[in-house]
Amino acid sequence: MNSSFLHNKDYSLYFTKPEQLLDIFTEMEEKSLPLVQKSQYTSETLAQIQSTINLTITEQNQRVEQLQIKINQLEELIKHEIEREISCQNILMYFSLTKIIIINQLFSF
């Protein structure tokens, strides 16, 4: 620090009364309080949004699992129906061939 500044008796103090410093701190607190409150509100809102997102993700994952189970059941049902159709077609073909053979035998006499 400059030694001439320390030895200069003509400098004036910014604060002349102790209450001035307290007033400045009080004013700063009053100005910062709404910012702190808004920050807390924003943090709470963010926490609620994150909670909602997590809940929604969990619910959607459960829904996807349920739908996948349903898809698997329907695929098995379709597979069973296709096998049944093939079996019915085979039976129909057998009876059709049998009918043709019988008709041929009847007309061959």
Protein backbone atom coordinates (compact mmCIF):
# COMPACT_ATOMS: atom_id res chain seq x y z
CA MET A 1 0.00 0.00 0.00
CA ASN A 2 1.12 3.52 -0.62
CA SER A 3 2.67 4.95 2.57
CA SER A 4 1.62 8.48 1.66
CA PHE A 5 -2.03 7.30 1.78
CA LEU A 6 -1.57 5.97 5.31
CA HIS A 7 0.08 9.14 6.52
CA ASN A 8 -2.40 11.46 4.87
CA LYS A 9 -4.69 12.83 7.56
CA ASP A 10 -7.15 14.30 5.05
CA TYR A 11 -8.84 11.13 3.88
CA SER A 12 -12.45 10.73 4.90
CA LEU A 13 -14.18 7.61 6.05
CA TYR A 14 -16.97 6.20 3.97
CA PHE A 15 -18.91 5.19 7.05
CA THR A 16 -19.35 7.83 9.69
CA LYS A 17 -21.86 5.90 11.82
CA PRO A 18 -21.96 2.18 12.62
CA GLU A 19 -25.61 2.07 11.55
CA GLN A 20 -24.60 2.89 7.96
CA LEU A 21 -22.90 -0.46 7.56
CA LEU A 22 -25.87 -2.24 9.12
CA ASP A 23 -28.22 -0.35 6.77
CA ILE A 24 -26.20 -1.44 3.73
CA PHE A 25 -26.22 -5.06 4.88
CA THR A 26 -29.96 -4.87 5.53
CA GLU A 27 -30.55 -3.41 2.06
CA MET A 28 -28.39 -6.11 0.46
CA GLU A 29 -30.30 -8.78 2.37
CA GLU A 30 -33.64 -7.33 1.26
CA LYS A 31 -32.47 -7.32 -2.35
CA SER A 32 -31.10 -10.84 -2.22
CA LEU A 33 -34.00 -12.43 -0.32
CA PRO A 34 -36.35 -12.56 -3.36
CA LEU A 35 -33.53 -14.10 -5.38
CA VAL A 36 -32.96 -16.76 -2.73
CA GLN A 37 -36.69 -17.45 -2.53
CA LYS A 38 -36.96 -17.70 -6.31
CA SER A 39 -33.96 -20.02 -6.38
CA GLN A 40 -35.57 -22.26 -3.74
CA TYR A 41 -38.87 -22.25 -5.63
CA THR A 42 -37.04 -23.11 -8.85
CA SER A 43 -35.19 -25.95 -7.12
CA GLU A 44 -38.44 -27.32 -5.71
CA THR A 45 -40.13 -27.05 -9.09
CA LEU A 46 -37.20 -28.81 -10.75
CA ALA A 47 -37.36 -31.59 -8.16
CA GLN A 48 -41.11 -32.02 -8.81
CA ILE A 49 -40.54 -32.12 -12.58
CA GLN A 50 -37.76 -34.68 -12.18
CA SER A 51 -40.00 -36.77 -9.93
CA THR A 52 -42.82 -36.58 -12.48
CA ILE A 53 -40.45 -37.55 -15.30
CA ASN A 54 -39.10 -40.52 -13.32
CA LEU A 55 -42.63 -41.66 -12.47
CA THR A 56 -43.70 -41.32 -16.10
CA ILE A 57 -40.66 -43.29 -17.29
CA THR A 58 -41.41 -46.05 -14.77
CA GLU A 59 -45.07 -46.19 -15.80
CA GLN A 60 -44.19 -46.24 -19.50
CA ASN A 61 -41.60 -48.98 -18.97
CA GLN A 62 -44.24 -51.07 -17.18
CA ARG A 63 -46.69 -50.39 -20.02
CA VAL A 64 -44.07 -51.46 -22.56
CA GLU A 65 -43.49 -54.69 -20.61
CA GLN A 66 -47.24 -55.36 -20.52
CA LEU A 67 -47.54 -54.70 -24.25
CA GLN A 68 -44.56 -56.94 -24.98
CA ILE A 69 -46.22 -59.75 -23.01
CA LYS A 70 -49.44 -59.17 -24.98
CA ILE A 71 -47.49 -59.19 -28.27
CA ASN A 72 -45.82 -62.49 -27.32
CA GLN A 73 -49.20 -64.00 -26.42
CA LEU A 74 -50.72 -62.85 -29.71
CA GLU A 75 -47.75 -64.19 -31.68
CA GLU A 76 -48.19 -67.57 -29.98
CA LEU A 77 -51.91 -67.47 -30.78
CA ILE A 78 -51.18 -66.65 -34.42
CA LYS A 79 -48.62 -69.46 -34.58
CA HIS A 80 -51.18 -71.88 -33.15
CA GLU A 81 -53.83 -70.70 -35.64
CA ILE A 82 -51.42 -71.11 -38.56
CA GLU A 83 -50.63 -74.64 -37.42
CA ARG A 84 -54.35 -75.32 -37.14
CA GLU A 85 -54.93 -73.92 -40.63
CA ILE A 86 -52.20 -76.17 -42.04
CA SER A 87 -53.75 -79.14 -40.28
CA CYS A 88 -57.18 -78.27 -41.69
CA GLN A 89 -55.72 -77.86 -45.18
CA ASN A 90 -54.05 -81.25 -44.88
CA ILE A 91 -57.32 -82.84 -43.78
CA LEU A 92 -59.16 -81.12 -46.63
CA MET A 93 -56.54 -82.30 -49.11
CA TYR A 94 -56.75 -85.85 -47.75
CA PHE A 95 -60.55 -85.90 -48.09
CA SER A 96 -60.39 -84.29 -51.51
CA LEU A 97 -57.94 -86.91 -52.71
CA THR A 98 -60.00 -89.64 -51.12
CA LYS A 99 -63.08 -88.31 -52.88
CA ILE A 100 -61.26 -88.26 -56.21
CA ILE A 101 -60.04 -91.80 -55.68
CA ILE A 102 -63.51 -93.01 -54.76
CA ILE A 103 -65.07 -91.28 -57.78
CA ASN A 104 -62.42 -92.79 -60.04
CA GLN A 105 -63.05 -96.22 -58.61
CA LEU A 106 -66.78 -95.85 -59.06
CA PHE A 107 -66.46 -94.87 -62.69
CA SER A 108 -63.89 -97.44 -63.46
CA PHE A 109 -66.30 -100.33 -62.95
